[in-house]
Amino acid sequence: MLAFNAALMASIFGLYYLASEILRPWASGLHIAFGSVMPLLFLAHVKTGRKLAERLLSSDHVVEIPIGICR
């Protein structure tokens, strides 16, 4: 999520400040592509988090949490 938000900010920065006639269509397409994927990524993020929370709350045994989640 953080990487996609950073890519959106970088592409809008490119559109606003570095907008030459050659780079504008490329930066615009990149920005639209990242912006279109963001809602799907957000939904996957929420679904994964809810699944993990459900597993943690419903189990009687210790559940190993993947390393990247706690950071």
Protein backbone atom coordinates (compact mmCIF):
# COMPACT_ATOMS: atom_id res chain seq x y z
CA MET A 1 0.00 0.00 0.00
CA LEU A 2 2.77 2.38 0.91
CA ALA A 3 4.66 1.71 -2.33
CA PHE A 4 1.56 2.33 -4.45
CA ASN A 5 0.82 5.58 -2.63
CA ALA A 6 4.42 6.65 -3.17
CA ALA A 7 4.12 5.83 -6.87
CA LEU A 8 0.93 7.90 -7.11
CA MET A 9 2.64 10.85 -5.43
CA ALA A 10 5.67 10.53 -7.69
CA SER A 11 3.54 10.37 -10.82
CA ILE A 12 1.45 13.40 -9.85
CA PHE A 13 4.67 15.26 -9.02
CA GLY A 14 5.89 14.36 -12.49
CA LEU A 15 2.65 15.55 -14.06
CA TYR A 16 2.63 18.85 -12.18
CA TYR A 17 6.28 19.88 -12.05
CA LEU A 18 8.09 17.97 -14.78
CA ALA A 19 5.35 18.12 -17.38
CA SER A 20 7.05 18.38 -20.73
CA GLU A 21 5.04 17.56 -23.82
CA ILE A 22 6.95 14.29 -24.22
CA LEU A 23 6.67 13.03 -20.63
CA ARG A 24 3.12 14.17 -19.87
CA PRO A 25 1.28 11.29 -21.64
CA TRP A 26 3.63 8.73 -20.08
CA ALA A 27 3.26 10.15 -16.56
CA SER A 28 -0.49 10.50 -17.02
CA GLY A 29 -0.86 6.87 -18.10
CA LEU A 30 1.26 5.70 -15.19
CA HIS A 31 -0.79 7.77 -12.74
CA ILE A 32 -4.07 6.43 -14.12
CA ALA A 33 -2.79 2.84 -13.96
CA PHE A 34 -1.67 3.12 -10.33
CA GLY A 35 -4.86 4.96 -9.39
CA SER A 36 -6.99 2.26 -10.99
CA VAL A 37 -5.22 -0.53 -9.10
CA MET A 38 -5.38 1.19 -5.69
CA PRO A 39 -9.01 0.26 -4.84
CA LEU A 40 -8.34 -3.40 -5.66
CA LEU A 41 -5.18 -3.38 -3.59
CA PHE A 42 -7.03 -1.75 -0.69
CA LEU A 43 -9.81 -4.36 -0.81
CA ALA A 44 -7.25 -7.17 -0.85
CA HIS A 45 -5.47 -5.54 2.10
CA VAL A 46 -8.70 -5.32 4.13
CA LYS A 47 -9.77 -8.87 3.25
CA THR A 48 -6.37 -10.30 4.22
CA GLY A 49 -6.37 -8.38 7.50
CA ARG A 50 -9.87 -9.54 8.40
CA LYS A 51 -8.98 -13.14 7.59
CA LEU A 52 -5.90 -12.97 9.79
CA ALA A 53 -7.83 -11.33 12.64
CA GLU A 54 -10.55 -13.98 12.39
CA ARG A 55 -7.98 -16.77 12.53
CA LEU A 56 -6.25 -15.20 15.52
CA LEU A 57 -9.47 -14.64 17.45
CA SER A 58 -11.09 -18.00 16.73
CA SER A 59 -8.17 -20.33 17.35
CA ASP A 60 -7.18 -21.89 20.64
CA HIS A 61 -3.64 -22.54 19.58
CA VAL A 62 -0.85 -20.15 18.72
CA VAL A 63 -0.96 -18.88 15.16
CA GLU A 64 2.27 -17.81 13.53
CA ILE A 65 2.04 -14.34 12.01
CA PRO A 66 4.06 -13.84 8.82
CA ILE A 67 7.11 -11.66 9.41
CA GLY A 68 6.12 -8.78 7.12
CA ILE A 69 2.77 -8.13 8.83
CA CYS A 70 4.12 -6.88 12.15
CA ARG A 71 6.33 -4.17 10.73
